[in-house]
N, C-alpha and C. Protein backbone atom coordinates (compact mmCIF):
# COMPACT_ATOMS: atom_id res chain seq x y z
N MET A 1 32.89 22.03 -43.25
CA MET A 1 34.21 22.24 -43.88
C MET A 1 34.22 20.67 -44.78
N TYR A 2 35.37 20.43 -45.68
CA TYR A 2 35.68 19.73 -46.37
C TYR A 2 36.77 18.52 -46.01
N LEU A 3 36.28 17.28 -46.74
CA LEU A 3 37.23 16.07 -46.70
C LEU A 3 37.94 15.91 -47.61
N HIS A 4 39.05 15.71 -47.53
CA HIS A 4 40.08 15.35 -49.01
C HIS A 4 40.25 13.87 -48.69
N LEU A 5 39.70 13.31 -49.95
CA LEU A 5 39.26 11.91 -50.21
C LEU A 5 40.52 11.08 -50.82
N GLY A 6 41.48 12.29 -51.39
CA GLY A 6 42.92 11.70 -52.23
C GLY A 6 42.89 12.13 -53.49
N ASN A 7 43.92 12.02 -54.01
CA ASN A 7 43.99 12.82 -55.49
C ASN A 7 42.99 13.52 -55.73
N ASP A 8 42.85 14.97 -55.62
CA ASP A 8 42.20 16.30 -55.41
C ASP A 8 41.02 15.78 -55.78
N PHE A 9 40.00 14.86 -54.99
CA PHE A 9 38.72 15.00 -54.75
C PHE A 9 38.50 15.25 -53.02
N ILE A 10 37.64 16.08 -53.04
CA ILE A 10 37.20 16.73 -51.84
C ILE A 10 35.71 16.60 -52.02
N VAL A 11 34.88 16.13 -50.52
CA VAL A 11 33.65 16.31 -50.18
C VAL A 11 32.88 17.17 -49.23
N ASN A 12 32.14 17.71 -49.27
CA ASN A 12 31.63 18.75 -48.05
C ASN A 12 31.18 17.71 -46.83
N GLU A 13 31.53 17.75 -45.92
CA GLU A 13 31.11 16.84 -44.96
C GLU A 13 29.91 16.78 -44.62
N LYS A 14 29.15 17.84 -44.68
CA LYS A 14 27.40 17.79 -44.41
C LYS A 14 26.79 16.80 -45.11
N TYR A 15 27.50 16.59 -46.39
CA TYR A 15 26.76 15.78 -47.26
C TYR A 15 27.06 14.04 -46.98
N ILE A 16 28.12 13.70 -46.04
CA ILE A 16 28.72 12.92 -46.03
C ILE A 16 27.78 11.79 -44.83
N ILE A 17 27.47 10.55 -45.58
CA ILE A 17 26.55 9.93 -44.67
C ILE A 17 27.30 8.65 -44.11
N GLY A 18 28.19 7.99 -44.40
CA GLY A 18 29.41 7.64 -43.88
C GLY A 18 30.51 6.81 -44.41
N ILE A 19 31.25 6.46 -43.86
CA ILE A 19 32.87 6.26 -44.42
C ILE A 19 32.76 4.65 -43.90
N PHE A 20 33.17 3.99 -44.77
CA PHE A 20 33.41 2.72 -44.44
C PHE A 20 34.97 1.90 -45.04
N ASP A 21 35.21 0.95 -44.34
CA ASP A 21 36.14 -0.15 -44.37
C ASP A 21 35.93 -1.03 -46.10
N LEU A 22 36.51 -0.91 -46.72
CA LEU A 22 35.90 -1.43 -48.05
C LEU A 22 36.56 -3.02 -48.06
N GLU A 23 37.44 -3.59 -47.42
CA GLU A 23 37.74 -5.03 -47.05
C GLU A 23 36.84 -5.54 -45.98
N LYS A 24 36.36 -4.97 -45.06
CA LYS A 24 35.50 -5.39 -43.72
C LYS A 24 34.20 -5.50 -44.40
N SER A 25 33.75 -4.03 -44.92
CA SER A 25 31.92 -4.15 -45.18
C SER A 25 31.52 -4.86 -46.75
N SER A 26 32.70 -5.39 -47.08
CA SER A 26 32.40 -5.61 -48.72
C SER A 26 31.88 -7.56 -48.39
N VAL A 27 32.29 -7.92 -47.31
CA VAL A 27 32.19 -8.85 -46.87
C VAL A 27 30.77 -9.50 -47.16
N SER A 28 29.75 -8.37 -46.80
CA SER A 28 28.41 -8.30 -46.49
C SER A 28 27.74 -8.79 -48.16
N LYS A 29 26.86 -9.35 -48.25
CA LYS A 29 26.22 -9.34 -49.42
C LYS A 29 25.07 -8.29 -49.64
N LEU A 30 24.96 -7.84 -48.66
CA LEU A 30 24.20 -6.26 -48.72
C LEU A 30 25.24 -5.11 -49.35
N THR A 31 26.23 -5.26 -48.95
CA THR A 31 26.99 -4.22 -48.92
C THR A 31 27.31 -4.23 -50.54
N ARG A 32 27.70 -5.54 -51.16
CA ARG A 32 28.40 -5.86 -52.38
C ARG A 32 27.21 -5.34 -53.43
N ASP A 33 25.73 -5.58 -52.90
CA ASP A 33 24.91 -5.40 -53.89
C ASP A 33 24.56 -3.97 -54.08
N PHE A 34 24.85 -3.07 -52.86
CA PHE A 34 24.39 -1.83 -53.12
C PHE A 34 26.01 -1.29 -54.18
N LEU A 35 26.90 -1.32 -53.47
CA LEU A 35 28.06 -1.25 -54.35
C LEU A 35 28.04 -1.66 -56.02
N ALA A 36 27.31 -2.58 -56.55
CA ALA A 36 27.20 -3.10 -57.63
C ALA A 36 26.05 -2.15 -58.68
N GLU A 37 25.05 -2.18 -57.71
CA GLU A 37 23.49 -1.18 -57.95
C GLU A 37 24.38 0.36 -57.99
N ALA A 38 24.84 1.13 -57.17
CA ALA A 38 25.76 2.15 -57.73
C ALA A 38 26.78 2.36 -58.74
N THR A 39 27.41 1.76 -59.04
CA THR A 39 28.09 0.97 -60.29
C THR A 39 27.19 1.01 -61.52
N ARG A 40 26.01 0.87 -61.57
CA ARG A 40 25.43 0.21 -62.74
C ARG A 40 24.58 1.95 -62.87
N ASN A 41 24.44 2.41 -61.49
CA ASN A 41 23.95 3.69 -61.87
C ASN A 41 24.93 4.92 -62.17
N ASN A 42 25.81 4.46 -62.23
CA ASN A 42 27.12 5.59 -62.45
C ASN A 42 26.95 6.69 -61.31
N ARG A 43 26.90 6.27 -60.18
CA ARG A 43 26.83 7.09 -58.77
C ARG A 43 28.37 6.40 -58.09
N VAL A 44 29.32 5.92 -58.67
CA VAL A 44 30.52 5.50 -57.99
C VAL A 44 31.60 6.39 -58.59
N VAL A 45 32.12 7.19 -57.97
CA VAL A 45 33.50 7.99 -58.41
C VAL A 45 34.62 7.43 -57.88
N ASN A 46 35.64 6.93 -58.49
CA ASN A 46 36.93 6.59 -58.18
C ASN A 46 37.71 7.34 -58.06
N CYS A 47 38.28 7.19 -56.45
CA CYS A 47 39.71 8.36 -56.26
C CYS A 47 40.66 8.13 -56.40
N THR A 48 41.08 6.95 -56.69
CA THR A 48 42.43 6.26 -57.17
C THR A 48 42.81 5.41 -58.10
N GLN A 49 43.98 5.46 -58.41
CA GLN A 49 44.38 4.74 -59.39
C GLN A 49 45.04 2.96 -58.56
N GLU A 50 45.06 3.46 -57.26
CA GLU A 50 46.02 2.73 -56.17
C GLU A 50 44.82 1.34 -55.65
N MET A 51 45.34 0.41 -54.60
CA MET A 51 44.43 -0.27 -54.41
C MET A 51 43.23 0.25 -53.17
N PRO A 52 41.77 0.15 -53.99
CA PRO A 52 41.02 0.85 -52.77
C PRO A 52 40.68 0.23 -51.36
N LYS A 53 40.96 1.17 -50.53
CA LYS A 53 40.90 0.94 -49.10
C LYS A 53 39.41 1.32 -48.34
N SER A 54 38.82 2.12 -48.70
CA SER A 54 37.72 2.48 -48.25
C SER A 54 36.96 3.32 -49.03
N PHE A 55 35.43 3.92 -48.46
CA PHE A 55 34.51 4.16 -49.93
C PHE A 55 33.72 4.98 -48.48
N VAL A 56 33.28 6.19 -49.43
CA VAL A 56 32.55 7.41 -48.50
C VAL A 56 31.35 7.36 -49.29
N VAL A 57 30.02 7.27 -48.48
CA VAL A 57 28.78 7.73 -49.06
C VAL A 57 28.04 9.30 -48.90
N THR A 58 27.67 9.67 -50.03
CA THR A 58 27.23 10.77 -49.95
C THR A 58 25.60 10.94 -50.43
N LEU A 59 25.09 12.15 -49.65
CA LEU A 59 23.77 12.33 -50.29
C LEU A 59 23.94 13.87 -50.26
N ASP A 60 23.61 14.68 -51.62
CA ASP A 60 23.56 16.17 -51.50
C ASP A 60 21.95 16.67 -51.46
N GLU A 61 22.17 17.70 -51.39
CA GLU A 61 20.66 18.71 -51.20
C GLU A 61 19.93 18.04 -52.84
N GLU A 62 20.14 17.84 -53.58
CA GLU A 62 19.28 17.40 -54.73
C GLU A 62 19.02 15.58 -54.35
N LEU A 63 19.59 15.41 -52.90
CA LEU A 63 19.16 14.12 -52.68
C LEU A 63 19.95 12.84 -53.81
N THR A 64 21.06 13.40 -54.35
CA THR A 64 21.97 12.40 -55.37
C THR A 64 22.87 11.96 -54.57
N GLU A 65 22.65 10.11 -54.52
CA GLU A 65 23.65 9.99 -53.69
C GLU A 65 24.80 9.63 -54.67
N ARG A 66 26.03 9.50 -53.95
CA ARG A 66 27.75 9.22 -54.48
C ARG A 66 28.07 8.23 -53.50
N VAL A 67 29.16 7.25 -54.69
CA VAL A 67 30.00 6.70 -53.58
C VAL A 67 31.68 6.97 -54.20
N TYR A 68 32.00 7.13 -53.31
CA TYR A 68 33.74 7.61 -53.43
C TYR A 68 34.37 6.45 -53.12
N ILE A 69 35.30 6.04 -53.71
CA ILE A 69 36.10 4.94 -53.46
C ILE A 69 37.56 5.69 -53.34
N SER A 70 38.03 5.17 -52.00
CA SER A 70 39.59 5.90 -52.10
C SER A 70 40.53 5.09 -51.64
N GLN A 71 42.01 5.60 -51.90
CA GLN A 71 42.79 4.56 -51.47
C GLN A 71 43.27 4.79 -49.90
N LEU A 72 42.39 5.85 -49.37
CA LEU A 72 43.25 5.83 -48.09
C LEU A 72 42.01 5.13 -47.09
N ALA A 73 42.56 5.27 -45.62
CA ALA A 73 41.98 3.91 -44.77
C ALA A 73 41.21 4.54 -44.33
N CYS A 74 40.40 3.90 -43.63
CA CYS A 74 38.96 4.29 -43.27
C CYS A 74 39.45 5.43 -42.15
N SER A 75 40.42 4.48 -41.30
CA SER A 75 40.87 5.16 -40.17
C SER A 75 41.12 7.05 -40.32
N THR A 76 41.91 6.73 -41.38
CA THR A 76 42.54 7.84 -41.53
C THR A 76 41.57 9.09 -42.35
N LEU A 77 40.78 8.73 -42.62
CA LEU A 77 39.52 9.58 -43.55
C LEU A 77 38.53 10.51 -42.15
N LYS A 78 38.77 9.10 -41.11
CA LYS A 78 37.77 9.43 -40.03
C LYS A 78 38.31 10.26 -39.32
N LYS A 79 39.88 10.33 -38.88
CA LYS A 79 40.27 11.47 -38.00
C LYS A 79 40.59 12.67 -38.68
N ARG A 80 40.65 12.61 -40.48
CA ARG A 80 40.58 13.83 -40.67
C ARG A 80 39.27 14.60 -40.43
N ALA A 81 38.16 13.65 -40.87
CA ALA A 81 36.87 14.18 -40.53
C ALA A 81 36.75 14.94 -39.13
N ALA A 82 37.00 14.38 -38.30
CA ALA A 82 36.89 14.51 -36.71
C ALA A 82 37.91 15.83 -36.32
N SER A 83 38.95 16.16 -37.01
CA SER A 83 40.18 17.37 -36.55
C SER A 83 39.97 18.10 -37.39
N GLY A 84 38.63 18.36 -38.74
CA GLY A 84 38.48 19.26 -39.53
C GLY A 84 39.88 19.64 -40.74
N GLN A 85 40.53 18.39 -40.78
CA GLN A 85 41.69 18.57 -41.44
C GLN A 85 41.43 18.32 -43.11
N LEU A 86 41.75 19.26 -43.78
CA LEU A 86 41.60 19.31 -45.20
C LEU A 86 42.41 17.89 -45.61
């Protein structure tokens, strides 16, 4: 199954490591460092022109890590993933 992240971006659910609330998780220095490192290494995909609300971390078969920034709420993405909704 695939998960729609907004603005024509989809990811294969089998590669998803986690779905995180951007506002709540970015309070932690470790998360801010993780996101900064991902940005420096060009592993961040911005799926929105709007205010970001969540981020999704994936790891594909080649062990390439990607961070997708989405305007959709974390709860919305989790519901879509649980229901198999595209």
